[in-house]
Amino acid sequence: MFQVTIFWWIGIAAIYTFILHFSPAGNWIFALGGDKVGARNAGIPTDKITVSLFVASSVSASFVGVSQAILFNSAQVSSGSSFIFNSIISVVVGGVLLTGGYGSIVGVVMGTITFAIVNQGIYFTSFDANLASLIIGVLMLLAVLLNNTFRTMALSYSSKKK
């Protein structure tokens, strides 16, 4: 079976999707990620948005911590340290630019699912389990290179005029 945490994860992803893509605050977040000085000059309260994003990140991290404590019936301070690199990989595979200003929650969810499938799939193949980190690192490198390629293509695209 699966954990009830999945439903909470879907619910939080839906809330973040609404905020990021269907509210004015989402436009402010994208503007802040693209150019902080430009966003400030446009009248966006960049300091308030930055603090709000840190709070949302902290709440999300605490949700993961509480979920793990409930799942394993114990808590350990260093148990989440190994997930830092994994979360960066999931986000980049999901299409979020490392430079900021572009991305989507749906992309992050798909990147997380893709990362989880690849991560678990490595152990079911004939690959050496010690090479798992190398394979994940190559996946990250490919995601960053494709991410930059697609960004360059998107910025150089111009619609055809008739």
N, C-alpha and C. Protein backbone atom coordinates (compact mmCIF):
# COMPACT_ATOMS: atom_id res chain seq x y z
N MET A 1 0.83 -1.19 0.00
CA MET A 1 0.00 0.00 0.00
C MET A 1 0.87 1.25 0.00
N PHE A 2 0.25 2.38 0.17
CA PHE A 2 0.96 3.64 0.19
C PHE A 2 0.62 4.41 1.45
N GLN A 3 1.40 5.42 1.72
CA GLN A 3 1.24 6.21 2.93
C GLN A 3 0.21 7.33 2.72
N VAL A 4 -0.45 7.73 3.79
CA VAL A 4 -1.40 8.84 3.75
C VAL A 4 -0.67 10.15 3.45
N THR A 5 0.62 10.17 3.72
CA THR A 5 1.42 11.37 3.46
C THR A 5 1.34 11.79 2.00
N ILE A 6 1.12 10.84 1.11
CA ILE A 6 1.00 11.16 -0.32
C ILE A 6 -0.16 12.13 -0.55
N PHE A 7 -1.28 11.92 0.14
CA PHE A 7 -2.42 12.83 -0.03
C PHE A 7 -2.09 14.23 0.50
N TRP A 8 -1.37 14.29 1.62
CA TRP A 8 -0.94 15.59 2.13
C TRP A 8 -0.01 16.27 1.14
N TRP A 9 0.90 15.49 0.55
CA TRP A 9 1.85 16.01 -0.42
C TRP A 9 1.11 16.56 -1.64
N ILE A 10 0.11 15.84 -2.12
CA ILE A 10 -0.69 16.30 -3.27
C ILE A 10 -1.45 17.57 -2.91
N GLY A 11 -2.02 17.61 -1.71
CA GLY A 11 -2.74 18.80 -1.27
C GLY A 11 -1.85 20.03 -1.16
N ILE A 12 -0.67 19.86 -0.59
CA ILE A 12 0.26 20.99 -0.47
C ILE A 12 0.73 21.43 -1.85
N ALA A 13 0.98 20.46 -2.74
CA ALA A 13 1.39 20.81 -4.11
C ALA A 13 0.28 21.58 -4.82
N ALA A 14 -0.98 21.21 -4.58
CA ALA A 14 -2.10 21.93 -5.20
C ALA A 14 -2.19 23.36 -4.67
N ILE A 15 -1.99 23.53 -3.37
CA ILE A 15 -2.02 24.87 -2.78
C ILE A 15 -0.90 25.73 -3.35
N TYR A 16 0.31 25.17 -3.41
CA TYR A 16 1.45 25.92 -3.96
C TYR A 16 1.25 26.22 -5.44
N THR A 17 0.63 25.29 -6.17
CA THR A 17 0.34 25.54 -7.59
C THR A 17 -0.60 26.71 -7.74
N PHE A 18 -1.65 26.74 -6.92
CA PHE A 18 -2.59 27.85 -6.98
C PHE A 18 -1.89 29.17 -6.68
N ILE A 19 -1.09 29.18 -5.63
CA ILE A 19 -0.41 30.42 -5.25
C ILE A 19 0.55 30.88 -6.34
N LEU A 20 1.32 29.94 -6.90
CA LEU A 20 2.36 30.31 -7.86
C LEU A 20 1.80 30.68 -9.23
N HIS A 21 0.75 29.99 -9.67
CA HIS A 21 0.30 30.18 -11.05
C HIS A 21 -1.02 30.95 -11.19
N PHE A 22 -1.77 31.11 -10.12
CA PHE A 22 -3.08 31.74 -10.26
C PHE A 22 -3.30 32.91 -9.32
N SER A 23 -2.26 33.40 -8.69
CA SER A 23 -2.42 34.55 -7.80
C SER A 23 -1.39 35.62 -8.14
N PRO A 24 -1.66 36.85 -7.77
CA PRO A 24 -0.67 37.91 -8.01
C PRO A 24 0.65 37.65 -7.31
N ALA A 25 0.60 36.99 -6.17
CA ALA A 25 1.84 36.69 -5.45
C ALA A 25 2.74 35.79 -6.29
N GLY A 26 2.16 34.91 -7.09
CA GLY A 26 2.96 34.06 -7.96
C GLY A 26 3.73 34.86 -9.00
N ASN A 27 3.07 35.86 -9.57
CA ASN A 27 3.77 36.73 -10.51
C ASN A 27 4.90 37.49 -9.82
N TRP A 28 4.66 37.89 -8.58
CA TRP A 28 5.71 38.58 -7.83
C TRP A 28 6.89 37.65 -7.57
N ILE A 29 6.58 36.38 -7.27
CA ILE A 29 7.65 35.40 -7.00
C ILE A 29 8.50 35.18 -8.25
N PHE A 30 7.85 35.03 -9.41
CA PHE A 30 8.60 34.85 -10.65
C PHE A 30 9.42 36.10 -10.97
N ALA A 31 8.85 37.27 -10.74
CA ALA A 31 9.59 38.51 -10.99
C ALA A 31 10.79 38.62 -10.06
N LEU A 32 10.59 38.26 -8.80
CA LEU A 32 11.67 38.30 -7.83
C LEU A 32 12.78 37.33 -8.21
N GLY A 33 12.40 36.16 -8.69
CA GLY A 33 13.39 35.18 -9.11
C GLY A 33 14.13 35.58 -10.36
N GLY A 34 13.47 36.30 -11.24
CA GLY A 34 14.09 36.72 -12.48
C GLY A 34 15.04 37.89 -12.31
N ASP A 35 14.63 38.90 -11.53
CA ASP A 35 15.47 40.08 -11.33
C ASP A 35 14.97 40.82 -10.10
N LYS A 36 15.71 40.72 -9.01
CA LYS A 36 15.29 41.30 -7.75
C LYS A 36 15.21 42.82 -7.81
N VAL A 37 16.19 43.44 -8.44
CA VAL A 37 16.21 44.90 -8.54
C VAL A 37 15.05 45.37 -9.42
N GLY A 38 14.83 44.69 -10.53
CA GLY A 38 13.72 45.05 -11.40
C GLY A 38 12.37 44.87 -10.72
N ALA A 39 12.24 43.82 -9.94
CA ALA A 39 11.00 43.59 -9.20
C ALA A 39 10.77 44.69 -8.17
N ARG A 40 11.85 45.08 -7.47
CA ARG A 40 11.73 46.15 -6.48
C ARG A 40 11.34 47.46 -7.16
N ASN A 41 11.94 47.73 -8.32
CA ASN A 41 11.61 48.96 -9.06
C ASN A 41 10.19 48.95 -9.60
N ALA A 42 9.63 47.76 -9.80
CA ALA A 42 8.25 47.65 -10.28
C ALA A 42 7.23 47.79 -9.15
N GLY A 43 7.70 47.95 -7.93
CA GLY A 43 6.80 48.15 -6.80
C GLY A 43 6.44 46.88 -6.06
N ILE A 44 7.12 45.81 -6.33
CA ILE A 44 6.85 44.55 -5.65
C ILE A 44 7.56 44.57 -4.30
N PRO A 45 6.86 44.19 -3.23
CA PRO A 45 7.50 44.18 -1.90
C PRO A 45 8.47 42.98 -1.79
N THR A 46 9.66 43.15 -2.30
CA THR A 46 10.61 42.04 -2.40
C THR A 46 11.02 41.49 -1.04
N ASP A 47 11.15 42.34 -0.05
CA ASP A 47 11.55 41.85 1.27
C ASP A 47 10.46 40.97 1.88
N LYS A 48 9.21 41.39 1.77
CA LYS A 48 8.10 40.59 2.30
C LYS A 48 7.96 39.28 1.55
N ILE A 49 8.11 39.29 0.23
CA ILE A 49 8.02 38.07 -0.56
C ILE A 49 9.16 37.12 -0.20
N THR A 50 10.37 37.66 -0.03
CA THR A 50 11.52 36.82 0.33
C THR A 50 11.30 36.14 1.68
N VAL A 51 10.85 36.90 2.66
CA VAL A 51 10.58 36.31 3.99
C VAL A 51 9.46 35.28 3.89
N SER A 52 8.42 35.58 3.11
CA SER A 52 7.32 34.64 2.95
C SER A 52 7.79 33.34 2.31
N LEU A 53 8.70 33.43 1.34
CA LEU A 53 9.22 32.22 0.70
C LEU A 53 10.08 31.40 1.66
N PHE A 54 10.85 32.08 2.50
CA PHE A 54 11.62 31.35 3.51
C PHE A 54 10.69 30.66 4.51
N VAL A 55 9.61 31.32 4.89
CA VAL A 55 8.64 30.71 5.81
C VAL A 55 7.98 29.50 5.15
N ALA A 56 7.58 29.63 3.88
CA ALA A 56 6.97 28.51 3.17
C ALA A 56 7.94 27.34 3.05
N SER A 57 9.20 27.65 2.79
CA SER A 57 10.22 26.61 2.71
C SER A 57 10.40 25.92 4.06
N SER A 58 10.39 26.69 5.13
CA SER A 58 10.53 26.12 6.49
C SER A 58 9.33 25.26 6.85
N VAL A 59 8.14 25.72 6.50
CA VAL A 59 6.94 24.94 6.79
C VAL A 59 6.96 23.63 6.00
N SER A 60 7.40 23.69 4.76
CA SER A 60 7.49 22.48 3.94
C SER A 60 8.52 21.51 4.51
N ALA A 61 9.67 22.03 4.93
CA ALA A 61 10.69 21.17 5.52
C ALA A 61 10.20 20.55 6.83
N SER A 62 9.47 21.33 7.63
CA SER A 62 8.96 20.78 8.89
C SER A 62 7.90 19.71 8.61
N PHE A 63 7.12 19.88 7.54
CA PHE A 63 6.15 18.85 7.16
C PHE A 63 6.86 17.55 6.83
N VAL A 64 7.95 17.64 6.08
CA VAL A 64 8.71 16.44 5.74
C VAL A 64 9.29 15.81 7.00
N GLY A 65 9.80 16.62 7.91
CA GLY A 65 10.36 16.10 9.15
C GLY A 65 9.31 15.41 10.01
N VAL A 66 8.14 16.02 10.14
CA VAL A 66 7.07 15.41 10.93
C VAL A 66 6.58 14.13 10.25
N SER A 67 6.50 14.14 8.93
CA SER A 67 6.07 12.94 8.20
C SER A 67 7.05 11.79 8.43
N GLN A 68 8.34 12.09 8.40
CA GLN A 68 9.33 11.04 8.65
C GLN A 68 9.29 10.56 10.10
N ALA A 69 9.09 11.48 11.03
CA ALA A 69 8.99 11.08 12.44
C ALA A 69 7.79 10.17 12.67
N ILE A 70 6.69 10.46 12.02
CA ILE A 70 5.50 9.61 12.15
C ILE A 70 5.74 8.27 11.47
N LEU A 71 6.37 8.27 10.31
CA LEU A 71 6.60 7.03 9.57
C LEU A 71 7.56 6.10 10.30
N PHE A 72 8.63 6.64 10.83
CA PHE A 72 9.66 5.80 11.46
C PHE A 72 9.54 5.72 12.99
N ASN A 73 8.57 6.41 13.56
CA ASN A 73 8.36 6.44 15.02
C ASN A 73 9.60 6.88 15.79
N SER A 74 10.40 7.72 15.17
CA SER A 74 11.57 8.27 15.84
C SER A 74 12.02 9.51 15.08
N ALA A 75 12.88 10.27 15.72
CA ALA A 75 13.39 11.47 15.08
C ALA A 75 14.91 11.50 15.23
N GLN A 76 15.56 12.02 14.21
CA GLN A 76 17.01 12.14 14.24
C GLN A 76 17.38 13.41 13.50
N VAL A 77 18.26 14.20 14.07
CA VAL A 77 18.59 15.51 13.51
C VAL A 77 19.21 15.39 12.14
N SER A 78 20.08 14.45 11.94
CA SER A 78 20.84 14.36 10.69
C SER A 78 20.16 13.52 9.62
N SER A 79 18.94 13.05 9.85
CA SER A 79 18.32 12.15 8.88
C SER A 79 17.97 12.83 7.56
N GLY A 80 17.74 14.12 7.55
CA GLY A 80 17.39 14.82 6.32
C GLY A 80 18.55 15.39 5.55
N SER A 81 19.75 15.28 6.11
CA SER A 81 20.92 15.87 5.46
C SER A 81 21.21 15.26 4.11
N SER A 82 20.89 13.99 3.94
CA SER A 82 21.17 13.33 2.67
C SER A 82 20.18 13.72 1.57
N PHE A 83 19.10 14.40 1.93
CA PHE A 83 18.09 14.76 0.95
C PHE A 83 18.33 16.11 0.27
N ILE A 84 19.33 16.84 0.69
CA ILE A 84 19.57 18.16 0.13
C ILE A 84 19.89 18.07 -1.35
N PHE A 85 20.84 17.22 -1.70
CA PHE A 85 21.23 17.07 -3.10
C PHE A 85 20.08 16.46 -3.91
N ASN A 86 19.35 15.52 -3.30
CA ASN A 86 18.22 14.90 -4.00
C ASN A 86 17.13 15.92 -4.33
N SER A 87 16.88 16.84 -3.42
CA SER A 87 15.85 17.85 -3.69
C SER A 87 16.28 18.79 -4.81
N ILE A 88 17.56 19.14 -4.85
CA ILE A 88 18.05 19.99 -5.93
C ILE A 88 17.92 19.26 -7.27
N ILE A 89 18.26 17.98 -7.30
CA ILE A 89 18.14 17.20 -8.52
C ILE A 89 16.68 17.15 -8.97
N SER A 90 15.77 16.89 -8.05
CA SER A 90 14.35 16.80 -8.40
C SER A 90 13.82 18.10 -8.98
N VAL A 91 14.23 19.21 -8.40
CA VAL A 91 13.76 20.51 -8.86
C VAL A 91 14.32 20.82 -10.25
N VAL A 92 15.60 20.54 -10.46
CA VAL A 92 16.21 20.84 -11.76
C VAL A 92 15.66 19.92 -12.84
N VAL A 93 15.48 18.64 -12.51
CA VAL A 93 14.87 17.71 -13.47
C VAL A 93 13.46 18.16 -13.80
N GLY A 94 12.78 18.78 -12.83
CA GLY A 94 11.43 19.27 -13.05
C GLY A 94 11.35 20.55 -13.88
N GLY A 95 12.49 21.13 -14.24
CA GLY A 95 12.47 22.26 -15.15
C GLY A 95 12.64 23.63 -14.52
N VAL A 96 12.94 23.69 -13.24
CA VAL A 96 13.17 24.98 -12.58
C VAL A 96 14.58 25.44 -12.92
N LEU A 97 14.71 26.70 -13.34
CA LEU A 97 16.02 27.23 -13.65
C LEU A 97 16.80 27.52 -12.38
N LEU A 98 18.07 27.17 -12.36
CA LEU A 98 18.90 27.46 -11.20
C LEU A 98 19.11 28.96 -11.03
N THR A 99 19.00 29.70 -12.12
CA THR A 99 19.16 31.15 -12.06
C THR A 99 17.91 31.85 -11.57
N GLY A 100 16.78 31.14 -11.51
CA GLY A 100 15.54 31.69 -11.00
C GLY A 100 14.66 32.28 -12.08
N GLY A 101 13.41 32.55 -11.73
CA GLY A 101 12.49 33.23 -12.62
C GLY A 101 11.67 32.31 -13.51
N TYR A 102 11.88 31.00 -13.45
CA TYR A 102 11.11 30.10 -14.29
C TYR A 102 10.97 28.75 -13.59
N GLY A 103 9.79 28.16 -13.69
CA GLY A 103 9.54 26.84 -13.14
C GLY A 103 8.07 26.68 -12.83
N SER A 104 7.69 25.47 -12.45
CA SER A 104 6.31 25.22 -12.09
C SER A 104 6.25 24.12 -11.04
N ILE A 105 5.21 24.11 -10.27
CA ILE A 105 5.02 23.10 -9.24
C ILE A 105 4.78 21.74 -9.89
N VAL A 106 4.03 21.72 -10.98
CA VAL A 106 3.78 20.47 -11.69
C VAL A 106 5.10 19.89 -12.20
N GLY A 107 5.99 20.73 -12.69
CA GLY A 107 7.30 20.28 -13.13
C GLY A 107 8.11 19.71 -11.98
N VAL A 108 8.05 20.36 -10.82
CA VAL A 108 8.76 19.86 -9.65
C VAL A 108 8.20 18.51 -9.22
N VAL A 109 6.88 18.36 -9.23
CA VAL A 109 6.26 17.08 -8.88
C VAL A 109 6.70 16.00 -9.87
N MET A 110 6.68 16.32 -11.15
CA MET A 110 7.12 15.34 -12.15
C MET A 110 8.61 15.04 -12.01
N GLY A 111 9.41 16.04 -11.72
CA GLY A 111 10.84 15.81 -11.49
C GLY A 111 11.08 14.93 -10.27
N THR A 112 10.29 15.12 -9.23
CA THR A 112 10.42 14.30 -8.02
C THR A 112 10.04 12.85 -8.32
N ILE A 113 8.96 12.67 -9.06
CA ILE A 113 8.54 11.30 -9.42
C ILE A 113 9.59 10.65 -10.31
N THR A 114 10.12 11.40 -11.27
CA THR A 114 11.15 10.87 -12.16
C THR A 114 12.39 10.48 -11.37
N PHE A 115 12.82 11.35 -10.47
CA PHE A 115 13.99 11.05 -9.64
C PHE A 115 13.76 9.81 -8.80
N ALA A 116 12.57 9.69 -8.20
CA ALA A 116 12.28 8.53 -7.35
C ALA A 116 12.28 7.24 -8.17
N ILE A 117 11.72 7.29 -9.37
CA ILE A 117 11.70 6.10 -10.22
C ILE A 117 13.11 5.69 -10.62
N VAL A 118 13.91 6.67 -11.02
CA VAL A 118 15.30 6.37 -11.40
C VAL A 118 16.08 5.86 -10.20
N ASN A 119 15.91 6.50 -9.06
CA ASN A 119 16.64 6.12 -7.86
C ASN A 119 16.30 4.69 -7.43
N GLN A 120 15.03 4.34 -7.45
CA GLN A 120 14.64 2.98 -7.07
C GLN A 120 14.96 1.99 -8.19
N GLY A 121 14.84 2.43 -9.43
CA GLY A 121 15.09 1.54 -10.57
C GLY A 121 16.53 1.09 -10.66
N ILE A 122 17.46 1.92 -10.17
CA ILE A 122 18.88 1.55 -10.21
C ILE A 122 19.12 0.27 -9.42
N TYR A 123 18.45 0.12 -8.31
CA TYR A 123 18.67 -1.05 -7.46
C TYR A 123 18.01 -2.31 -8.01
N PHE A 124 17.10 -2.18 -8.96
CA PHE A 124 16.47 -3.35 -9.56
C PHE A 124 17.12 -3.77 -10.87
N THR A 125 18.17 -3.08 -11.26
CA THR A 125 18.89 -3.44 -12.48
C THR A 125 20.18 -4.16 -12.10
N SER A 126 20.95 -4.48 -13.10
CA SER A 126 22.21 -5.18 -12.85
C SER A 126 23.36 -4.21 -12.58
N PHE A 127 23.07 -2.90 -12.49
CA PHE A 127 24.12 -1.93 -12.19
C PHE A 127 24.62 -2.14 -10.76
N ASP A 128 25.88 -1.82 -10.56
CA ASP A 128 26.45 -1.86 -9.22
C ASP A 128 25.80 -0.77 -8.37
N ALA A 129 25.35 -1.12 -7.18
CA ALA A 129 24.67 -0.16 -6.31
C ALA A 129 25.58 0.99 -5.91
N ASN A 130 26.89 0.77 -5.95
CA ASN A 130 27.83 1.84 -5.62
C ASN A 130 27.87 2.92 -6.69
N LEU A 131 27.40 2.59 -7.89
CA LEU A 131 27.37 3.56 -8.97
C LEU A 131 26.10 4.42 -8.96
N ALA A 132 25.23 4.21 -7.99
CA ALA A 132 23.96 4.94 -7.95
C ALA A 132 24.19 6.44 -7.88
N SER A 133 25.12 6.88 -7.06
CA SER A 133 25.39 8.32 -6.94
C SER A 133 25.93 8.88 -8.24
N LEU A 134 26.76 8.10 -8.93
CA LEU A 134 27.28 8.54 -10.23
C LEU A 134 26.16 8.69 -11.25
N ILE A 135 25.26 7.73 -11.28
CA ILE A 135 24.14 7.78 -12.23
C ILE A 135 23.24 8.97 -11.91
N ILE A 136 22.97 9.21 -10.64
CA ILE A 136 22.15 10.36 -10.24
C ILE A 136 22.86 11.66 -10.59
N GLY A 137 24.17 11.71 -10.40
CA GLY A 137 24.95 12.91 -10.75
C GLY A 137 24.92 13.18 -12.24
N VAL A 138 25.01 12.13 -13.06
CA VAL A 138 24.91 12.29 -14.51
C VAL A 138 23.52 12.78 -14.89
N LEU A 139 22.50 12.26 -14.23
CA LEU A 139 21.13 12.74 -14.46
C LEU A 139 21.02 14.23 -14.15
N MET A 140 21.64 14.66 -13.06
CA MET A 140 21.63 16.08 -12.69
C MET A 140 22.35 16.91 -13.75
N LEU A 141 23.50 16.44 -14.21
CA LEU A 141 24.26 17.16 -15.22
C LEU A 141 23.47 17.29 -16.51
N LEU A 142 22.84 16.21 -16.94
CA LEU A 142 22.01 16.26 -18.15
C LEU A 142 20.84 17.22 -17.98
N ALA A 143 20.22 17.21 -16.80
CA ALA A 143 19.09 18.11 -16.55
C ALA A 143 19.53 19.56 -16.62
N VAL A 144 20.69 19.88 -16.04
CA VAL A 144 21.18 21.26 -16.07
C VAL A 144 21.51 21.68 -17.49
N LEU A 145 22.18 20.79 -18.25
CA LEU A 145 22.53 21.12 -19.63
C LEU A 145 21.29 21.30 -20.50
N LEU A 146 20.32 20.40 -20.37
CA LEU A 146 19.08 20.54 -21.13
C LEU A 146 18.30 21.77 -20.69
N ASN A 147 18.33 22.05 -19.39
CA ASN A 147 17.65 23.22 -18.85
C ASN A 147 18.20 24.49 -19.48
N ASN A 148 19.52 24.61 -19.53
CA ASN A 148 20.14 25.79 -20.12
C ASN A 148 19.88 25.85 -21.62
N THR A 149 19.88 24.70 -22.29
CA THR A 149 19.60 24.66 -23.73
C THR A 149 18.18 25.13 -24.01
N PHE A 150 17.21 24.62 -23.26
CA PHE A 150 15.82 25.03 -23.46
C PHE A 150 15.62 26.50 -23.13
N ARG A 151 16.33 26.99 -22.12
CA ARG A 151 16.23 28.41 -21.77
C ARG A 151 16.75 29.27 -22.90
N THR A 152 17.89 28.89 -23.47
CA THR A 152 18.45 29.64 -24.60
C THR A 152 17.52 29.61 -25.79
N MET A 153 16.94 28.45 -26.06
CA MET A 153 15.99 28.33 -27.18
C MET A 153 14.76 29.19 -26.94
N ALA A 154 14.26 29.21 -25.70
CA ALA A 154 13.07 29.99 -25.39
C ALA A 154 13.34 31.48 -25.51
N LEU A 155 14.53 31.91 -25.08
CA LEU A 155 14.85 33.34 -25.16
C LEU A 155 15.11 33.79 -26.58
N SER A 156 15.58 32.89 -27.46
CA SER A 156 15.87 33.28 -28.84
C SER A 156 14.68 33.07 -29.76
N TYR A 157 13.59 32.48 -29.26
CA TYR A 157 12.41 32.21 -30.09
C TYR A 157 11.67 33.50 -30.38
N SER A 158 11.28 33.66 -31.62
CA SER A 158 10.43 34.79 -32.00
C SER A 158 9.32 34.26 -32.87
N SER A 159 8.14 34.76 -32.68
CA SER A 159 7.00 34.30 -33.48
C SER A 159 7.15 34.79 -34.92
N LYS A 160 6.65 33.96 -35.82
CA LYS A 160 6.71 34.31 -37.24
C LYS A 160 5.63 35.33 -37.54
N LYS A 161 6.02 36.39 -38.20
CA LYS A 161 5.05 37.42 -38.57
C LYS A 161 4.57 37.16 -39.98
N LYS A 162 3.30 37.36 -40.20
CA LYS A 162 2.72 37.14 -41.53
C LYS A 162 2.61 38.42 -42.28
